Amino acid sequence: MSAWLFTGIPDAAAKKSVSGASFRETLKQSQSNFIL
C-alpha cells in the first residue's frame, strides 16, 4: 500500500490498536505513509 487513511475510528479503538504488538509490527513492515 502507498498510504493508510484513517477516518471515523473511535478514540478507544485507536488507543487499543496502536498498543497491540501485532498491529504495530504490521504498520512498521508495510513501509506505507499515513495520512493525517
Full PDB file with SEQRES, HELIX, SHEET, SSBOND, CRYST1, ORIGX, SCALE, CONECT and MASTER records, all heavy atoms in Angstrom:
SEQRES   1 A   36  MET SER ALA TRP LEU PHE THR GLY ILE PRO ASP ALA ALA          
SEQRES   2 A   36  ALA LYS LYS SER VAL SER GLY ALA SER PHE ARG GLU THR          
SEQRES   3 A   36  LEU LYS GLN SER GLN SER ASN PHE ILE LEU                      
HELIX    1 AA1 ASP A   11  VAL A   18  1                                   8    
HELIX    2 AA2 ALA A   21  SER A   30  1                                  10    
SHEET    1 AA1 2 ALA A   3  LEU A   5  0                                        
SHEET    2 AA1 2 ASN A  33  ILE A  35  1                                        
CRYST1    1.000    1.000    1.000  90.00  90.00  90.00 P 1           1          
ORIGX1      1.000000  0.000000  0.000000        0.00000                         
ORIGX2      0.000000  1.000000  0.000000        0.00000                         
ORIGX3      0.000000  0.000000  1.000000        0.00000                         
SCALE1      1.000000  0.000000  0.000000        0.00000                         
SCALE2      0.000000  1.000000  0.000000        0.00000                         
SCALE3      0.000000  0.000000  1.000000        0.00000                         
ATOM      1  N   MET A   1       0.852  -1.185   0.000  1.00  0.00           N  
ATOM      2  CA  MET A   1       0.000   0.000   0.000  1.00  0.00           C  
ATOM      3  C   MET A   1       0.894   1.244   0.000  1.00  0.00           C  
ATOM      4  O   MET A   1       1.954   1.252   0.614  1.00  0.00           O  
ATOM      5  CB  MET A   1      -0.891   0.023   1.237  1.00  0.00           C  
ATOM      6  CG  MET A   1      -1.641  -1.275   1.490  1.00  0.00           C  
ATOM      7  SD  MET A   1      -2.567  -1.824   0.038  1.00  0.00           S  
ATOM      8  CE  MET A   1      -3.726  -0.497  -0.118  1.00  0.00           C  
ATOM      9  N   SER A   2       0.462   2.260  -0.677  1.00  0.00           N  
ATOM     10  CA  SER A   2       1.223   3.510  -0.675  1.00  0.00           C  
ATOM     11  C   SER A   2       0.893   4.357   0.545  1.00  0.00           C  
ATOM     12  O   SER A   2       1.699   5.162   0.984  1.00  0.00           O  
ATOM     13  CB  SER A   2       0.919   4.304  -1.936  1.00  0.00           C  
ATOM     14  OG  SER A   2       1.399   3.617  -3.064  1.00  0.00           O  
ATOM     15  N   ALA A   3      -0.322   4.192   1.084  1.00  0.00           N  
ATOM     16  CA  ALA A   3      -0.711   5.003   2.242  1.00  0.00           C  
ATOM     17  C   ALA A   3      -1.894   4.376   2.961  1.00  0.00           C  
ATOM     18  O   ALA A   3      -2.680   3.644   2.368  1.00  0.00           O  
ATOM     19  CB  ALA A   3      -1.053   6.426   1.808  1.00  0.00           C  
ATOM     20  N   TRP A   4      -1.973   4.679   4.245  1.00  0.00           N  
ATOM     21  CA  TRP A   4      -3.122   4.330   5.069  1.00  0.00           C  
ATOM     22  C   TRP A   4      -3.881   5.617   5.367  1.00  0.00           C  
ATOM     23  O   TRP A   4      -3.284   6.638   5.688  1.00  0.00           O  
ATOM     24  CB  TRP A   4      -2.675   3.714   6.395  1.00  0.00           C  
ATOM     25  CG  TRP A   4      -2.044   2.376   6.303  1.00  0.00           C  
ATOM     26  CD1 TRP A   4      -0.821   2.080   5.767  1.00  0.00           C  
ATOM     27  CD2 TRP A   4      -2.593   1.144   6.754  1.00  0.00           C  
ATOM     28  NE1 TRP A   4      -0.566   0.746   5.866  1.00  0.00           N  
ATOM     29  CE2 TRP A   4      -1.641   0.133   6.481  1.00  0.00           C  
ATOM     30  CE3 TRP A   4      -3.783   0.781   7.382  1.00  0.00           C  
ATOM     31  CZ2 TRP A   4      -1.852  -1.191   6.794  1.00  0.00           C  
ATOM     32  CZ3 TRP A   4      -3.987  -0.542   7.709  1.00  0.00           C  
ATOM     33  CH2 TRP A   4      -3.034  -1.518   7.408  1.00  0.00           C  
ATOM     34  N   LEU A   5      -5.194   5.540   5.284  1.00  0.00           N  
ATOM     35  CA  LEU A   5      -6.037   6.691   5.585  1.00  0.00           C  
ATOM     36  C   LEU A   5      -7.025   6.274   6.662  1.00  0.00           C  
ATOM     37  O   LEU A   5      -7.849   5.384   6.445  1.00  0.00           O  
ATOM     38  CB  LEU A   5      -6.783   7.153   4.330  1.00  0.00           C  
ATOM     39  CG  LEU A   5      -7.778   8.293   4.521  1.00  0.00           C  
ATOM     40  CD1 LEU A   5      -7.033   9.584   4.805  1.00  0.00           C  
ATOM     41  CD2 LEU A   5      -8.650   8.461   3.294  1.00  0.00           C  
ATOM     42  N   PHE A   6      -6.947   6.917   7.832  1.00  0.00           N  
ATOM     43  CA  PHE A   6      -7.827   6.571   8.947  1.00  0.00           C  
ATOM     44  C   PHE A   6      -8.851   7.679   9.153  1.00  0.00           C  
ATOM     45  O   PHE A   6      -8.498   8.825   9.404  1.00  0.00           O  
ATOM     46  CB  PHE A   6      -7.017   6.400  10.237  1.00  0.00           C  
ATOM     47  CG  PHE A   6      -5.958   5.345  10.148  1.00  0.00           C  
ATOM     48  CD1 PHE A   6      -4.625   5.680  10.012  1.00  0.00           C  
ATOM     49  CD2 PHE A   6      -6.303   4.010  10.202  1.00  0.00           C  
ATOM     50  CE1 PHE A   6      -3.651   4.713   9.941  1.00  0.00           C  
ATOM     51  CE2 PHE A   6      -5.329   3.023  10.125  1.00  0.00           C  
ATOM     52  CZ  PHE A   6      -4.000   3.369   9.992  1.00  0.00           C  
ATOM     53  N   THR A   7     -10.121   7.346   9.063  1.00  0.00           N  
ATOM     54  CA  THR A   7     -11.180   8.313   9.361  1.00  0.00           C  
ATOM     55  C   THR A   7     -12.284   7.596  10.119  1.00  0.00           C  
ATOM     56  O   THR A   7     -12.601   6.450   9.843  1.00  0.00           O  
ATOM     57  CB  THR A   7     -11.778   8.939   8.087  1.00  0.00           C  
ATOM     58  OG1 THR A   7     -12.472   7.910   7.355  1.00  0.00           O  
ATOM     59  CG2 THR A   7     -10.724   9.558   7.212  1.00  0.00           C  
ATOM     60  N   GLY A   8     -12.887   8.298  11.073  1.00  0.00           N  
ATOM     61  CA  GLY A   8     -14.024   7.736  11.781  1.00  0.00           C  
ATOM     62  C   GLY A   8     -13.685   6.643  12.767  1.00  0.00           C  
ATOM     63  O   GLY A   8     -14.563   5.895  13.191  1.00  0.00           O  
ATOM     64  N   ILE A   9     -12.420   6.493  13.151  1.00  0.00           N  
ATOM     65  CA  ILE A   9     -12.047   5.446  14.094  1.00  0.00           C  
ATOM     66  C   ILE A   9     -12.245   5.965  15.519  1.00  0.00           C  
ATOM     67  O   ILE A   9     -11.698   7.006  15.866  1.00  0.00           O  
ATOM     68  CB  ILE A   9     -10.583   5.015  13.905  1.00  0.00           C  
ATOM     69  CG1 ILE A   9     -10.332   4.641  12.445  1.00  0.00           C  
ATOM     70  CG2 ILE A   9     -10.232   3.862  14.826  1.00  0.00           C  
ATOM     71  CD1 ILE A   9     -11.104   3.447  11.971  1.00  0.00           C  
ATOM     72  N   PRO A  10     -13.011   5.267  16.360  1.00  0.00           N  
ATOM     73  CA  PRO A  10     -13.192   5.727  17.747  1.00  0.00           C  
ATOM     74  C   PRO A  10     -11.863   5.824  18.477  1.00  0.00           C  
ATOM     75  O   PRO A  10     -10.947   5.050  18.236  1.00  0.00           O  
ATOM     76  CB  PRO A  10     -14.088   4.636  18.363  1.00  0.00           C  
ATOM     77  CG  PRO A  10     -14.756   3.977  17.197  1.00  0.00           C  
ATOM     78  CD  PRO A  10     -13.775   4.058  16.065  1.00  0.00           C  
ATOM     79  N   ASP A  11     -11.781   6.787  19.398  1.00  0.00           N  
ATOM     80  CA  ASP A  11     -10.543   7.018  20.138  1.00  0.00           C  
ATOM     81  C   ASP A  11     -10.105   5.784  20.922  1.00  0.00           C  
ATOM     82  O   ASP A  11      -8.926   5.436  20.944  1.00  0.00           O  
ATOM     83  CB  ASP A  11     -10.751   8.188  21.109  1.00  0.00           C  
ATOM     84  CG  ASP A  11      -9.708   9.270  20.891  1.00  0.00           C  
ATOM     85  OD1 ASP A  11      -8.961   9.169  19.904  1.00  0.00           O  
ATOM     86  OD2 ASP A  11      -9.649  10.203  21.708  1.00  0.00           O  
ATOM     87  N   ALA A  12     -11.081   5.131  21.573  1.00  0.00           N  
ATOM     88  CA  ALA A  12     -10.741   3.953  22.377  1.00  0.00           C  
ATOM     89  C   ALA A  12     -10.147   2.853  21.499  1.00  0.00           C  
ATOM     90  O   ALA A  12      -9.171   2.193  21.870  1.00  0.00           O  
ATOM     91  CB  ALA A  12     -11.987   3.436  23.094  1.00  0.00           C  
ATOM     92  N   ALA A  13     -10.730   2.661  20.312  1.00  0.00           N  
ATOM     93  CA  ALA A  13     -10.218   1.646  19.392  1.00  0.00           C  
ATOM     94  C   ALA A  13      -8.820   2.006  18.913  1.00  0.00           C  
ATOM     95  O   ALA A  13      -7.959   1.142  18.754  1.00  0.00           O  
ATOM     96  CB  ALA A  13     -11.156   1.510  18.200  1.00  0.00           C  
ATOM     97  N   ALA A  14      -8.588   3.302  18.702  1.00  0.00           N  
ATOM     98  CA  ALA A  14      -7.275   3.739  18.243  1.00  0.00           C  
ATOM     99  C   ALA A  14      -6.204   3.430  19.279  1.00  0.00           C  
ATOM    100  O   ALA A  14      -5.150   2.886  18.957  1.00  0.00           O  
ATOM    101  CB  ALA A  14      -7.308   5.236  17.950  1.00  0.00           C  
ATOM    102  N   LYS A  15      -6.484   3.762  20.530  1.00  0.00           N  
ATOM    103  CA  LYS A  15      -5.501   3.515  21.592  1.00  0.00           C  
ATOM    104  C   LYS A  15      -5.228   2.021  21.744  1.00  0.00           C  
ATOM    105  O   LYS A  15      -4.097   1.592  21.922  1.00  0.00           O  
ATOM    106  CB  LYS A  15      -6.015   4.100  22.902  1.00  0.00           C  
ATOM    107  CG  LYS A  15      -6.062   5.624  22.914  1.00  0.00           C  
ATOM    108  CD  LYS A  15      -6.601   6.149  24.221  1.00  0.00           C  
ATOM    109  CE  LYS A  15      -6.671   7.677  24.195  1.00  0.00           C  
ATOM    110  NZ  LYS A  15      -7.250   8.219  25.449  1.00  0.00           N  
ATOM    111  N   LYS A  16      -6.302   1.213  21.690  1.00  0.00           N  
ATOM    112  CA  LYS A  16      -6.154  -0.228  21.851  1.00  0.00           C  
ATOM    113  C   LYS A  16      -5.343  -0.837  20.713  1.00  0.00           C  
ATOM    114  O   LYS A  16      -4.472  -1.684  20.913  1.00  0.00           O  
ATOM    115  CB  LYS A  16      -7.520  -0.883  21.933  1.00  0.00           C  
ATOM    116  CG  LYS A  16      -7.473  -2.396  22.151  1.00  0.00           C  
ATOM    117  CD  LYS A  16      -8.869  -2.954  22.271  1.00  0.00           C  
ATOM    118  CE  LYS A  16      -8.826  -4.471  22.474  1.00  0.00           C  
ATOM    119  NZ  LYS A  16     -10.180  -5.053  22.568  1.00  0.00           N  
ATOM    120  N   SER A  17      -5.620  -0.370  19.505  1.00  0.00           N  
ATOM    121  CA  SER A  17      -4.959  -0.944  18.340  1.00  0.00           C  
ATOM    122  C   SER A  17      -3.491  -0.577  18.279  1.00  0.00           C  
ATOM    123  O   SER A  17      -2.639  -1.411  17.982  1.00  0.00           O  
ATOM    124  CB  SER A  17      -5.665  -0.476  17.067  1.00  0.00           C  
ATOM    125  OG  SER A  17      -7.007  -0.892  17.063  1.00  0.00           O  
ATOM    126  N   VAL A  18      -3.181   0.672  18.551  1.00  0.00           N  
ATOM    127  CA  VAL A  18      -1.792   1.118  18.466  1.00  0.00           C  
ATOM    128  C   VAL A  18      -0.934   0.418  19.510  1.00  0.00           C  
ATOM    129  O   VAL A  18       0.257   0.212  19.319  1.00  0.00           O  
ATOM    130  CB  VAL A  18      -1.718   2.654  18.631  1.00  0.00           C  
ATOM    131  CG1 VAL A  18      -0.283   3.125  18.703  1.00  0.00           C  
ATOM    132  CG2 VAL A  18      -2.422   3.334  17.463  1.00  0.00           C  
ATOM    133  N   SER A  19      -1.553   0.031  20.619  1.00  0.00           N  
ATOM    134  CA  SER A  19      -0.791  -0.649  21.665  1.00  0.00           C  
ATOM    135  C   SER A  19      -0.611  -2.137  21.371  1.00  0.00           C  
ATOM    136  O   SER A  19       0.172  -2.804  22.044  1.00  0.00           O  
ATOM    137  CB  SER A  19      -1.496  -0.477  23.018  1.00  0.00           C  
ATOM    138  OG  SER A  19      -2.787  -1.074  22.969  1.00  0.00           O  
ATOM    139  N   GLY A  20      -1.334  -2.669  20.373  1.00  0.00           N  
ATOM    140  CA  GLY A  20      -1.202  -4.083  20.042  1.00  0.00           C  
ATOM    141  C   GLY A  20       0.093  -4.372  19.300  1.00  0.00           C  
ATOM    142  O   GLY A  20       0.429  -3.718  18.310  1.00  0.00           O  
ATOM    143  N   ALA A  21       0.850  -5.383  19.790  1.00  0.00           N  
ATOM    144  CA  ALA A  21       2.161  -5.682  19.213  1.00  0.00           C  
ATOM    145  C   ALA A  21       2.051  -6.094  17.747  1.00  0.00           C  
ATOM    146  O   ALA A  21       2.861  -5.686  16.905  1.00  0.00           O  
ATOM    147  CB  ALA A  21       2.843  -6.782  20.026  1.00  0.00           C  
ATOM    148  N   SER A  22       1.042  -6.887  17.416  1.00  0.00           N  
ATOM    149  CA  SER A  22       0.901  -7.376  16.047  1.00  0.00           C  
ATOM    150  C   SER A  22       0.602  -6.232  15.079  1.00  0.00           C  
ATOM    151  O   SER A  22       1.183  -6.147  13.993  1.00  0.00           O  
ATOM    152  CB  SER A  22      -0.220  -8.421  15.976  1.00  0.00           C  
ATOM    153  OG  SER A  22      -0.395  -8.869  14.652  1.00  0.00           O  
ATOM    154  N   PHE A  23      -0.283  -5.349  15.502  1.00  0.00           N  
ATOM    155  CA  PHE A  23      -0.648  -4.232  14.629  1.00  0.00           C  
ATOM    156  C   PHE A  23       0.527  -3.271  14.467  1.00  0.00           C  
ATOM    157  O   PHE A  23       0.773  -2.737  13.384  1.00  0.00           O  
ATOM    158  CB  PHE A  23      -1.859  -3.504  15.214  1.00  0.00           C  
ATOM    159  CG  PHE A  23      -2.403  -2.423  14.316  1.00  0.00           C  
ATOM    160  CD1 PHE A  23      -2.999  -2.741  13.109  1.00  0.00           C  
ATOM    161  CD2 PHE A  23      -2.322  -1.089  14.679  1.00  0.00           C  
ATOM    162  CE1 PHE A  23      -3.496  -1.760  12.282  1.00  0.00           C  
ATOM    163  CE2 PHE A  23      -2.818  -0.103  13.864  1.00  0.00           C  
ATOM    164  CZ  PHE A  23      -3.417  -0.442  12.651  1.00  0.00           C  
ATOM    165  N   ARG A  24       1.258  -3.046  15.540  1.00  0.00           N  
ATOM    166  CA  ARG A  24       2.422  -2.159  15.476  1.00  0.00           C  
ATOM    167  C   ARG A  24       3.454  -2.722  14.496  1.00  0.00           C  
ATOM    168  O   ARG A  24       4.031  -1.988  13.692  1.00  0.00           O  
ATOM    169  CB  ARG A  24       3.054  -2.009  16.864  1.00  0.00           C  
ATOM    170  CG  ARG A  24       2.184  -1.273  17.864  1.00  0.00           C  
ATOM    171  CD  ARG A  24       2.632  -1.546  19.288  1.00  0.00           C  
ATOM    172  NE  ARG A  24       3.874  -0.862  19.593  1.00  0.00           N  
ATOM    173  CZ  ARG A  24       3.945   0.280  20.279  1.00  0.00           C  
ATOM    174  NH1 ARG A  24       2.850   0.855  20.693  1.00  0.00           N  
ATOM    175  NH2 ARG A  24       5.102   0.829  20.531  1.00  0.00           N  
ATOM    176  N   GLU A  25       3.664  -4.027  14.557  1.00  0.00           N  
ATOM    177  CA  GLU A  25       4.614  -4.651  13.655  1.00  0.00           C  
ATOM    178  C   GLU A  25       4.130  -4.569  12.214  1.00  0.00           C  
ATOM    179  O   GLU A  25       4.921  -4.365  11.279  1.00  0.00           O  
ATOM    180  CB  GLU A  25       4.824  -6.111  14.058  1.00  0.00           C  
ATOM    181  CG  GLU A  25       5.939  -6.806  13.299  1.00  0.00           C  
ATOM    182  CD  GLU A  25       7.290  -6.157  13.535  1.00  0.00           C  
ATOM    183  OE1 GLU A  25       7.495  -5.570  14.630  1.00  0.00           O  
ATOM    184  OE2 GLU A  25       8.149  -6.226  12.643  1.00  0.00           O  
ATOM    185  N   THR A  26       2.807  -4.704  12.031  1.00  0.00           N  
ATOM    186  CA  THR A  26       2.218  -4.597  10.700  1.00  0.00           C  
ATOM    187  C   THR A  26       2.487  -3.230  10.087  1.00  0.00           C  
ATOM    188  O   THR A  26       2.883  -3.113   8.927  1.00  0.00           O  
ATOM    189  CB  THR A  26       0.696  -4.831  10.770  1.00  0.00           C  
ATOM    190  OG1 THR A  26       0.455  -6.186  11.126  1.00  0.00           O  
ATOM    191  CG2 THR A  26       0.039  -4.547   9.433  1.00  0.00           C  
ATOM    192  N   LEU A  27       2.279  -2.179  10.876  1.00  0.00           N  
ATOM    193  CA  LEU A  27       2.489  -0.821  10.375  1.00  0.00           C  
ATOM    194  C   LEU A  27       3.948  -0.583  10.012  1.00  0.00           C  
ATOM    195  O   LEU A  27       4.252   0.069   9.002  1.00  0.00           O  
ATOM    196  CB  LEU A  27       2.034   0.194  11.418  1.00  0.00           C  
ATOM    197  CG  LEU A  27       0.544   0.199  11.765  1.00  0.00           C  
ATOM    198  CD1 LEU A  27       0.249   1.252  12.816  1.00  0.00           C  
ATOM    199  CD2 LEU A  27      -0.308   0.441  10.536  1.00  0.00           C  
ATOM    200  N   LYS A  28       4.852  -1.111  10.825  1.00  0.00           N  
ATOM    201  CA  LYS A  28       6.271  -0.912  10.547  1.00  0.00           C  
ATOM    202  C   LYS A  28       6.687  -1.650   9.273  1.00  0.00           C  
ATOM    203  O   LYS A  28       7.472  -1.151   8.471  1.00  0.00           O  
ATOM    204  CB  LYS A  28       7.099  -1.393  11.739  1.00  0.00           C  
ATOM    205  CG  LYS A  28       7.005  -0.477  12.954  1.00  0.00           C  
ATOM    206  CD  LYS A  28       7.917  -0.959  14.067  1.00  0.00           C  
ATOM    207  CE  LYS A  28       7.864  -0.024  15.256  1.00  0.00           C  
ATOM    208  NZ  LYS A  28       8.751  -0.462  16.354  1.00  0.00           N  
ATOM    209  N   GLN A  29       6.143  -2.871   9.081  1.00  0.00           N  
ATOM    210  CA  GLN A  29       6.521  -3.669   7.918  1.00  0.00           C  
ATOM    211  C   GLN A  29       5.952  -3.109   6.618  1.00  0.00           C  
ATOM    212  O   GLN A  29       6.550  -3.273   5.556  1.00  0.00           O  
ATOM    213  CB  GLN A  29       6.049  -5.119   8.095  1.00  0.00           C  
ATOM    214  CG  GLN A  29       6.836  -5.910   9.119  1.00  0.00           C  
ATOM    215  CD  GLN A  29       6.378  -7.349   9.188  1.00  0.00           C  
ATOM    216  OE1 GLN A  29       5.568  -7.789   8.371  1.00  0.00           O  
ATOM    217  NE2 GLN A  29       6.882  -8.076  10.165  1.00  0.00           N  
ATOM    218  N   SER A  30       4.797  -2.447   6.700  1.00  0.00           N  
ATOM    219  CA  SER A  30       4.130  -2.021   5.466  1.00  0.00           C  
ATOM    220  C   SER A  30       4.893  -0.941   4.721  1.00  0.00           C  
ATOM    221  O   SER A  30       4.731  -0.773   3.515  1.00  0.00           O  
ATOM    222  CB  SER A  30       2.725  -1.499   5.785  1.00  0.00           C  
ATOM    223  OG  SER A  30       2.807  -0.281   6.505  1.00  0.00           O  
ATOM    224  N   GLN A  31       5.731  -0.162   5.431  1.00  0.00           N  
ATOM    225  CA  GLN A  31       6.511   0.926   4.813  1.00  0.00           C  
ATOM    226  C   GLN A  31       5.619   1.926   4.083  1.00  0.00           C  
ATOM    227  O   GLN A  31       6.025   2.556   3.121  1.00  0.00           O  
ATOM    228  CB  GLN A  31       7.560   0.355   3.849  1.00  0.00           C  
ATOM    229  CG  GLN A  31       8.628  -0.483   4.522  1.00  0.00           C  
ATOM    230  CD  GLN A  31       9.390   0.301   5.570  1.00  0.00           C  
ATOM    231  OE1 GLN A  31       9.836   1.420   5.313  1.00  0.00           O  
ATOM    232  NE2 GLN A  31       9.541  -0.272   6.747  1.00  0.00           N  
ATOM    233  N   SER A  32       4.377   2.036   4.521  1.00  0.00           N  
ATOM    234  CA  SER A  32       3.428   2.935   3.863  1.00  0.00           C  
ATOM    235  C   SER A  32       3.352   4.267   4.602  1.00  0.00           C  
ATOM    236  O   SER A  32       3.699   4.374   5.780  1.00  0.00           O  
ATOM    237  CB  SER A  32       2.036   2.297   3.827  1.00  0.00           C  
ATOM    238  OG  SER A  32       2.063   1.071   3.162  1.00  0.00           O  
ATOM    239  N   ASN A  33       2.885   5.278   3.886  1.00  0.00           N  
ATOM    240  CA  ASN A  33       2.646   6.576   4.506  1.00  0.00           C  
ATOM    241  C   ASN A  33       1.336   6.545   5.293  1.00  0.00           C  
ATOM    242  O   ASN A  33       0.487   5.683   5.080  1.00  0.00           O  
ATOM    243  CB  ASN A  33       2.565   7.667   3.440  1.00  0.00           C  
ATOM    244  CG  ASN A  33       3.894   7.897   2.766  1.00  0.00           C  
ATOM    245  OD1 ASN A  33       4.880   8.208   3.406  1.00  0.00           O  
ATOM    246  ND2 ASN A  33       3.927   7.735   1.457  1.00  0.00           N  
ATOM    247  N   PHE A  34       1.173   7.533   6.185  1.00  0.00           N  
ATOM    248  CA  PHE A  34      -0.059   7.676   6.949  1.00  0.00           C  
ATOM    249  C   PHE A  34      -0.606   9.075   6.705  1.00  0.00           C  
ATOM    250  O   PHE A  34       0.120  10.056   6.800  1.00  0.00           O  
ATOM    251  CB  PHE A  34       0.195   7.464   8.445  1.00  0.00           C  
ATOM    252  CG  PHE A  34       0.792   6.136   8.750  1.00  0.00           C  
ATOM    253  CD1 PHE A  34       2.164   5.987   8.851  1.00  0.00           C  
ATOM    254  CD2 PHE A  34      -0.008   5.027   8.898  1.00  0.00           C  
ATOM    255  CE1 PHE A  34       2.722   4.755   9.108  1.00  0.00           C  
ATOM    256  CE2 PHE A  34       0.542   3.788   9.159  1.00  0.00           C  
ATOM    257  CZ  PHE A  34       1.908   3.645   9.260  1.00  0.00           C  
ATOM    258  N   ILE A  35      -1.873   9.140   6.385  1.00  0.00           N  
ATOM    259  CA  ILE A  35      -2.482  10.423   6.044  1.00  0.00           C  
ATOM    260  C   ILE A  35      -3.144  11.018   7.271  1.00  0.00           C  
ATOM    261  O   ILE A  35      -4.010  10.387   7.884  1.00  0.00           O  
ATOM    262  CB  ILE A  35      -3.525  10.258   4.926  1.00  0.00           C  
ATOM    263  CG1 ILE A  35      -2.934   9.462   3.762  1.00  0.00           C  
ATOM    264  CG2 ILE A  35      -4.032  11.619   4.469  1.00  0.00           C  
ATOM    265  CD1 ILE A  35      -1.665  10.032   3.192  1.00  0.00           C  
ATOM    266  N   LEU A  36      -2.730  12.211   7.645  1.00  0.00           N  
ATOM    267  CA  LEU A  36      -3.344  12.947   8.747  1.00  0.00           C  
ATOM    268  C   LEU A  36      -4.318  13.958   8.153  1.00  0.00           C  
ATOM    269  O   LEU A  36      -3.914  14.998   7.627  1.00  0.00           O  
ATOM    270  CB  LEU A  36      -2.280  13.655   9.578  1.00  0.00           C  
ATOM    271  CG  LEU A  36      -2.796  14.643  10.633  1.00  0.00           C  
ATOM    272  CD1 LEU A  36      -3.651  13.913  11.657  1.00  0.00           C  
ATOM    273  CD2 LEU A  36      -1.646  15.345  11.325  1.00  0.00           C  
TER     274      LEU A  36                                                      
MASTER        0    0    0    2    2    0    0    6  273    1    0    3          
END                                                                             
